[in-house]
Amino acid sequence: MNQSVPLWTTLIAPVATLLGTMLVVILGVYLQNRSMERLGERLSAQIDALRAELKQQLAELELRLTKQIMELAHRVERLEEARGLIRTP
């Protein structure tokens, strides 16, 4: 006896396999995307912290340089006064 099997029953296994594979791939991509987003957020936070630290260090350096320039200007004025030099602008 030769029984004919309906077409849909022969296609169920490959279609179910394809759908299962697609589900696994989509889930994997979703999880990887989430981890990459979190990594990006962490890197962004670290970059912001480094930027703030750099700004702070630049401000401190600018203050130090300004103080040194003022000191040098004051020394020059004292030397000019001590030697009787007149500064012309």
Protein backbone atom coordinates (compact mmCIF):
# COMPACT_ATOMS: atom_id res chain seq x y z
CA MET A 1 0.00 0.00 0.00
CA ASN A 2 1.23 3.33 -0.96
CA GLN A 3 -0.17 6.07 1.18
CA SER A 4 0.28 9.65 0.05
CA VAL A 5 1.38 12.06 2.72
CA PRO A 6 0.01 15.60 2.56
CA LEU A 7 2.50 18.25 1.48
CA TRP A 8 2.13 20.35 4.61
CA THR A 9 3.26 17.50 6.86
CA THR A 10 6.50 17.11 4.92
CA LEU A 11 7.17 20.84 5.17
CA ILE A 12 6.54 21.18 8.93
CA ALA A 13 9.97 19.90 10.03
CA PRO A 14 12.07 22.16 7.76
CA VAL A 15 9.88 25.21 8.44
CA ALA A 16 9.99 24.60 12.21
CA THR A 17 13.77 24.21 12.01
CA LEU A 18 14.06 27.44 10.02
CA LEU A 19 11.85 29.34 12.47
CA GLY A 20 13.76 27.95 15.46
CA THR A 21 17.08 28.91 13.90
CA MET A 22 15.79 32.41 13.13
CA LEU A 23 14.57 32.77 16.71
CA VAL A 24 17.96 31.76 18.11
CA VAL A 25 19.80 34.12 15.76
CA ILE A 26 17.49 37.05 16.54
CA LEU A 27 17.83 36.42 20.28
CA GLY A 28 21.62 36.26 19.96
CA VAL A 29 21.73 39.51 17.98
CA TYR A 30 19.45 41.19 20.52
CA LEU A 31 21.60 40.11 23.46
CA GLN A 32 24.81 41.16 21.73
CA ASN A 33 23.28 44.52 20.83
CA ARG A 34 22.29 45.10 24.45
CA SER A 35 25.77 44.26 25.69
CA MET A 36 27.32 46.59 23.10
CA GLU A 37 24.97 49.40 24.16
CA ARG A 38 25.95 48.92 27.80
CA LEU A 39 29.62 48.87 26.85
CA GLY A 40 29.10 52.09 24.88
CA GLU A 41 27.41 53.71 27.87
CA ARG A 42 30.27 52.69 30.16
CA LEU A 43 32.85 54.00 27.71
CA SER A 44 30.91 57.23 27.34
CA ALA A 45 30.86 57.66 31.12
CA GLN A 46 34.61 57.02 31.31
CA ILE A 47 35.25 59.53 28.51
CA ASP A 48 33.13 62.13 30.32
CA ALA A 49 35.07 61.53 33.55
CA LEU A 50 38.41 61.85 31.76
CA ARG A 51 37.21 65.02 30.03
CA ALA A 52 36.23 66.55 33.38
CA GLU A 53 39.57 65.55 34.90
CA LEU A 54 41.44 67.08 31.97
CA LYS A 55 39.48 70.33 32.27
CA GLN A 56 40.29 70.45 35.98
CA GLN A 57 43.98 69.87 35.35
CA LEU A 58 44.05 72.53 32.63
CA ALA A 59 42.39 75.02 34.96
CA GLU A 60 44.95 74.26 37.68
CA LEU A 61 47.79 74.61 35.18
CA GLU A 62 46.41 77.92 33.93
CA LEU A 63 46.19 79.22 37.50
CA ARG A 64 49.75 78.11 38.24
CA LEU A 65 51.08 79.74 35.07
CA THR A 66 49.19 82.95 35.77
CA LYS A 67 50.69 83.12 39.26
CA GLN A 68 54.19 82.53 37.90
CA ILE A 69 53.77 85.20 35.22
CA MET A 70 52.54 87.68 37.83
CA GLU A 71 55.51 86.81 40.05
CA LEU A 72 57.93 87.33 37.18
CA ALA A 73 56.30 90.64 36.28
CA HIS A 74 56.63 91.77 39.88
CA ARG A 75 60.31 90.74 39.97
CA VAL A 76 60.99 92.64 36.74
CA GLU A 77 59.34 95.75 38.19
CA ARG A 78 61.45 95.49 41.36
CA LEU A 79 64.64 95.04 39.34
CA GLU A 80 63.77 98.03 37.17
CA GLU A 81 63.10 100.14 40.26
CA ALA A 82 66.31 98.96 41.94
CA ARG A 83 68.43 99.83 38.89
CA GLY A 84 66.60 103.01 38.04
CA LEU A 85 65.32 101.72 34.75
CA ILE A 86 62.23 103.22 33.20
CA ARG A 87 59.93 100.96 31.29
CA THR A 88 58.39 102.37 28.12
CA PRO A 89 55.18 100.80 26.96
